[in-house]
Every structure is written in C-alpha cells, then in structure tokens.
Amino acid sequence: MDYTKNEDKYLYTTSFPLACFLYSKGEQMSSPRELGRGQKEFTFFRTEKLDRLVDCYKFGLKEEKELFINVRDYEQSRRELLEILNN
C-alpha cells in the first residue's frame, strides 16, 4: 500500500507521551498506524493550537500554563490510547 504523508495538514508522531498530551488537550487524532516492529504512529489534524501545544511541550518552560493538564483528564486519555493500541 502506498502511503503518502501530508505534513502540512497532519502532525505525525511515534511519541506516546506527546500523543497522550495532545489527546488530553482535546486535539483530534485518527487511528494509530502500524509502522512495524511494534511501533505505532499517531496522526493529529494540524491546527495553530496543535502547533503551539507541540512547541510548548518540546521547548516550553515547566511553568507554562499550556503544559498544565488535569490529572484525571491525562490518565483517562492515557488509558484510552493504551486501549486503542492494544486492540
């Protein structure tokens, strides 16, 4: 199957912590794609908010409010992503 990435429209990541962060922030995600050797790729619809969250996650100071997540929201998102990956 020919798979072409459109990085202008989507953000692709294999980082589970980043995917969990974005998912818990309410960002829209498609089903993870199998890359082989047990690795999965998460695909998110690219928006200005998503790009801002990714920059904050990667480069922001730990005091930045954008990084704060309610623990219950994060844990629920983590459980949902793990369930998706394990099915």
Protein backbone atom coordinates (compact mmCIF):
# COMPACT_ATOMS: atom_id res chain seq x y z
CA MET A 1 0.00 0.00 0.00
CA ASP A 2 1.31 3.42 -0.97
CA TYR A 3 1.19 5.78 2.00
CA THR A 4 1.95 9.45 1.41
CA LYS A 5 2.30 11.82 4.34
CA ASN A 6 0.85 15.31 4.19
CA GLU A 7 2.77 17.16 6.89
CA ASP A 8 1.06 20.46 6.07
CA LYS A 9 -2.30 19.01 7.09
CA TYR A 10 -1.28 16.43 9.73
CA LEU A 11 1.21 16.01 12.55
CA TYR A 12 2.75 12.53 12.70
CA THR A 13 4.45 11.26 15.86
CA THR A 14 5.57 7.98 17.35
CA SER A 15 5.96 9.57 20.79
CA PHE A 16 3.35 8.13 23.15
CA PRO A 17 3.87 10.88 25.78
CA LEU A 18 3.37 13.63 23.17
CA ALA A 19 0.33 11.87 21.72
CA CYS A 20 -1.15 11.46 25.18
CA PHE A 21 -0.54 15.14 25.96
CA LEU A 22 -2.19 16.32 22.74
CA TYR A 23 -5.09 13.88 23.09
CA SER A 24 -5.72 15.00 26.67
CA LYS A 25 -5.76 18.61 25.43
CA GLY A 26 -8.64 17.67 23.10
CA GLU A 27 -6.74 17.55 19.83
CA GLN A 28 -8.31 15.43 17.09
CA MET A 29 -6.48 12.21 16.31
CA SER A 30 -7.02 9.50 13.71
CA SER A 31 -6.43 5.82 14.45
CA PRO A 32 -2.77 4.95 15.09
CA ARG A 33 -0.97 3.34 12.16
CA GLU A 34 1.27 0.28 12.49
CA LEU A 35 4.83 1.00 11.36
CA GLY A 36 6.27 -2.43 12.06
CA ARG A 37 8.36 -3.92 14.87
CA GLY A 38 5.66 -2.92 17.36
CA GLN A 39 5.92 0.79 16.62
CA LYS A 40 2.79 2.89 16.10
CA GLU A 41 2.39 6.30 14.53
CA PHE A 42 -0.18 8.78 15.84
CA THR A 43 -1.68 11.27 13.41
CA PHE A 44 -3.23 14.55 14.52
CA PHE A 45 -5.04 17.16 12.44
CA ARG A 46 -2.71 20.16 12.26
CA THR A 47 -4.06 23.44 13.62
CA GLU A 48 -2.43 26.57 15.00
CA LYS A 49 -3.38 25.41 18.50
CA LEU A 50 -1.79 21.99 17.93
CA ASP A 51 1.45 23.56 16.67
CA ARG A 52 1.51 25.87 19.71
CA LEU A 53 0.96 22.89 22.06
CA VAL A 54 3.73 20.87 20.41
CA ASP A 55 6.17 23.79 20.67
CA CYS A 56 5.21 24.31 24.30
CA TYR A 57 5.59 20.57 25.04
CA LYS A 58 9.01 20.39 23.41
CA PHE A 59 10.52 23.76 24.32
CA GLY A 60 8.34 25.46 26.93
CA LEU A 61 9.26 26.22 30.48
CA LYS A 62 7.73 23.93 33.08
CA GLU A 63 5.72 26.88 34.48
CA GLU A 64 3.83 27.48 31.20
CA LYS A 65 0.09 27.18 31.70
CA GLU A 66 -0.36 25.41 28.33
CA LEU A 67 1.51 22.43 29.81
CA PHE A 68 -0.88 22.03 32.73
CA ILE A 69 -3.37 19.16 32.47
CA ASN A 70 -5.89 17.91 34.96
CA VAL A 71 -4.53 14.58 36.24
CA ARG A 72 -7.85 12.81 35.67
CA ASP A 73 -8.01 14.06 32.07
CA TYR A 74 -4.44 12.90 31.41
CA GLU A 75 -5.00 9.47 32.96
CA GLN A 76 -8.26 8.99 31.06
CA SER A 77 -6.52 9.92 27.81
CA ARG A 78 -3.62 7.59 28.58
CA ARG A 79 -6.00 4.68 29.31
CA GLU A 80 -7.95 5.34 26.09
CA LEU A 81 -4.79 5.45 23.97
CA LEU A 82 -3.43 2.26 25.54
CA GLU A 83 -6.77 0.55 24.88
CA ILE A 84 -6.65 1.68 21.25
CA LEU A 85 -3.07 0.41 20.90
CA ASN A 86 -3.81 -2.95 22.50
CA ASN A 87 -6.85 -3.70 20.31
